[in-house]
Amino acid sequence: MLTAELQVNQKDIKGFVYCNNMNYNNIKSYDSLGNCFSFQPTLIDNYKYAIDVELKDTIPSKHLMNILGQDALLKWCEIEIIAKLSNIPAHIILLYTRTKSISYLMQKYNINSVYIKTDTHYFVIGKCKKTNY
C-alpha cells in the first residue's frame, strides 16, 4: 500500500497531503488505483477546501479530450475542484466549459487553487470562503 506525505506551501494554500492515512478529515480524493489522498490545512480558517488527484498516466476518454483539449486530465482536476466547492455536479461544470473558461468559473466561485505535479500524480487543491455557498 502506498503511503506518503507531501507538504503544500503555495500561494495562500498551506498544509499537507497524506496518502492512505485515514486519520485525517473528509477533504479527500481517490486515484484510479484506489489510493486515498487527503488534505490537511495548516490553519483552521473560514475556508472550505477540496482536493482532486489523478494518476499522470491516466488516459482521458475521447469525449473528455474533445471537450477539454490537450490538458484534459489536469482540466478535469480543476473541474472536480469547482464541483466540490460549489456543490454543483462535475458533469454540469463540464457543460459550462463549453461556453465559459475554467478560469472564469474559478473566479465566479471565488476559488483559489494550486497545482502540484509529482512523478506519478497530478494534484489540484482549491479553497473558497465557507460563506459563499
Protein backbone atom coordinates (compact mmCIF):
# COMPACT_ATOMS: atom_id res chain seq x y z
CA MET A 1 0.00 0.00 0.00
CA LEU A 2 1.29 3.42 -0.99
CA THR A 3 1.89 5.86 1.88
CA ALA A 4 3.27 9.34 1.53
CA GLU A 5 3.21 12.87 2.86
CA LEU A 6 3.54 15.98 0.71
CA GLN A 7 3.89 19.49 2.09
CA VAL A 8 1.92 22.23 0.32
CA ASN A 9 3.05 25.83 0.66
CA GLN A 10 1.94 27.70 -2.45
CA LYS A 11 0.09 30.98 -2.77
CA ASP A 12 -2.28 31.09 0.19
CA ILE A 13 -2.83 27.32 0.44
CA LYS A 14 -0.73 25.64 3.09
CA GLY A 15 -0.97 22.19 4.57
CA PHE A 16 -0.15 18.55 3.97
CA VAL A 17 -1.38 15.89 1.56
CA TYR A 18 -1.44 12.42 3.06
CA CYS A 19 -1.81 9.15 1.19
CA ASN A 20 -3.74 6.25 2.70
CA ASN A 21 -3.72 7.80 6.17
CA MET A 22 -7.33 7.54 7.28
CA ASN A 23 -6.80 9.64 10.41
CA TYR A 24 -7.50 12.89 8.58
CA ASN A 25 -10.57 14.88 7.65
CA ASN A 26 -13.03 14.50 4.81
CA ILE A 27 -11.03 16.57 2.29
CA LYS A 28 -10.26 13.51 0.16
CA SER A 29 -9.80 12.21 -3.34
CA TYR A 30 -9.01 8.77 -4.71
CA ASP A 31 -6.78 7.88 -7.63
CA SER A 32 -7.76 5.15 -10.10
CA LEU A 33 -5.75 2.58 -8.12
CA GLY A 34 -7.88 3.23 -5.02
CA ASN A 35 -5.27 5.19 -3.04
CA CYS A 36 -6.90 7.79 -0.80
CA PHE A 37 -5.32 11.24 -0.67
CA SER A 38 -6.41 13.70 2.00
CA PHE A 39 -5.53 17.34 2.51
CA GLN A 40 -4.99 18.79 5.97
CA PRO A 41 -4.77 22.60 6.01
CA THR A 42 -2.14 24.04 8.35
CA LEU A 43 -4.55 26.66 9.67
CA ILE A 44 -8.16 26.34 10.73
CA ASP A 45 -9.83 29.25 8.98
CA ASN A 46 -13.12 30.31 7.41
CA TYR A 47 -12.42 28.46 4.15
CA LYS A 48 -13.53 25.16 2.77
CA TYR A 49 -11.02 23.08 0.86
CA ALA A 50 -11.11 20.41 -1.81
CA ILE A 51 -8.51 18.12 -3.36
CA ASP A 52 -8.54 16.16 -6.58
CA VAL A 53 -5.90 13.71 -7.72
CA GLU A 54 -5.30 11.78 -10.92
CA LEU A 55 -2.57 9.39 -11.97
CA LYS A 56 -0.42 11.08 -14.61
CA ASP A 57 -0.65 8.09 -16.93
CA THR A 58 -4.46 8.08 -16.93
CA ILE A 59 -5.76 8.39 -20.46
CA PRO A 60 -8.87 10.60 -20.58
CA SER A 61 -11.81 9.43 -22.65
CA LYS A 62 -12.12 10.69 -26.22
CA HIS A 63 -15.25 12.58 -25.19
CA LEU A 64 -13.37 14.42 -22.44
CA MET A 65 -10.45 15.11 -24.80
CA ASN A 66 -12.85 16.57 -27.38
CA ILE A 67 -14.36 18.94 -24.81
CA LEU A 68 -11.28 19.89 -22.78
CA GLY A 69 -8.49 19.55 -25.33
CA GLN A 70 -4.78 18.97 -24.80
CA ASP A 71 -4.55 19.09 -20.98
CA ALA A 72 -7.82 17.25 -20.40
CA LEU A 73 -6.64 15.39 -17.29
CA LEU A 74 -5.42 18.49 -15.49
CA LYS A 75 -8.52 20.43 -16.56
CA TRP A 76 -10.68 17.59 -15.24
CA CYS A 77 -8.98 18.00 -11.83
CA GLU A 78 -9.90 21.70 -11.92
CA ILE A 79 -13.50 20.85 -12.80
CA GLU A 80 -13.64 18.46 -9.85
CA ILE A 81 -12.41 21.23 -7.53
CA ILE A 82 -15.06 23.64 -8.80
CA ALA A 83 -17.72 20.95 -8.40
CA LYS A 84 -16.68 20.05 -4.85
CA LEU A 85 -16.50 23.67 -3.67
CA SER A 86 -19.61 24.97 -5.47
CA ASN A 87 -21.79 21.91 -4.76
CA ILE A 88 -22.57 21.64 -8.47
CA PRO A 89 -22.09 18.19 -10.06
CA ALA A 90 -18.94 17.85 -12.17
CA HIS A 91 -20.89 16.93 -15.31
CA ILE A 92 -22.76 20.25 -15.06
CA ILE A 93 -19.46 22.14 -14.64
CA LEU A 94 -18.19 20.24 -17.68
CA LEU A 95 -21.18 21.52 -19.67
CA TYR A 96 -20.41 25.08 -18.51
CA THR A 97 -16.93 24.77 -20.02
CA ARG A 98 -18.48 24.73 -23.48
CA THR A 99 -19.25 28.45 -23.09
CA LYS A 100 -17.10 29.58 -20.14
CA SER A 101 -13.42 29.01 -19.39
CA ILE A 102 -12.34 27.10 -16.30
CA SER A 103 -10.53 30.21 -15.03
CA TYR A 104 -13.79 32.18 -15.39
CA LEU A 105 -15.61 29.55 -13.31
CA MET A 106 -12.84 29.60 -10.68
CA GLN A 107 -13.26 33.38 -10.41
CA LYS A 108 -17.06 33.19 -10.38
CA TYR A 109 -16.96 30.90 -7.33
CA ASN A 110 -14.01 32.75 -5.73
CA ILE A 111 -11.84 29.66 -5.76
CA ASN A 112 -8.08 29.86 -5.29
CA SER A 113 -6.18 26.77 -6.33
CA VAL A 114 -2.72 25.31 -6.60
CA TYR A 115 -1.39 22.60 -8.89
CA ILE A 116 1.16 20.04 -7.86
CA LYS A 117 2.78 17.57 -10.23
CA THR A 118 4.72 14.64 -8.85
CA ASP A 119 6.38 11.80 -10.75
CA THR A 120 3.14 9.83 -10.63
CA HIS A 121 0.21 12.17 -9.92
CA TYR A 122 -1.47 15.49 -10.65
CA PHE A 123 -2.96 17.24 -7.61
CA VAL A 124 -5.20 20.27 -7.53
CA ILE A 125 -6.10 21.77 -4.17
CA GLY A 126 -8.65 24.56 -4.02
CA LYS A 127 -10.24 26.73 -1.38
CA CYS A 128 -13.06 29.26 -1.09
CA LYS A 129 -14.82 31.09 1.74
CA LYS A 130 -17.25 28.85 3.61
CA THR A 131 -19.90 31.53 3.41
CA ASN A 132 -20.03 31.52 -0.41
CA TYR A 133 -22.40 28.53 -0.73
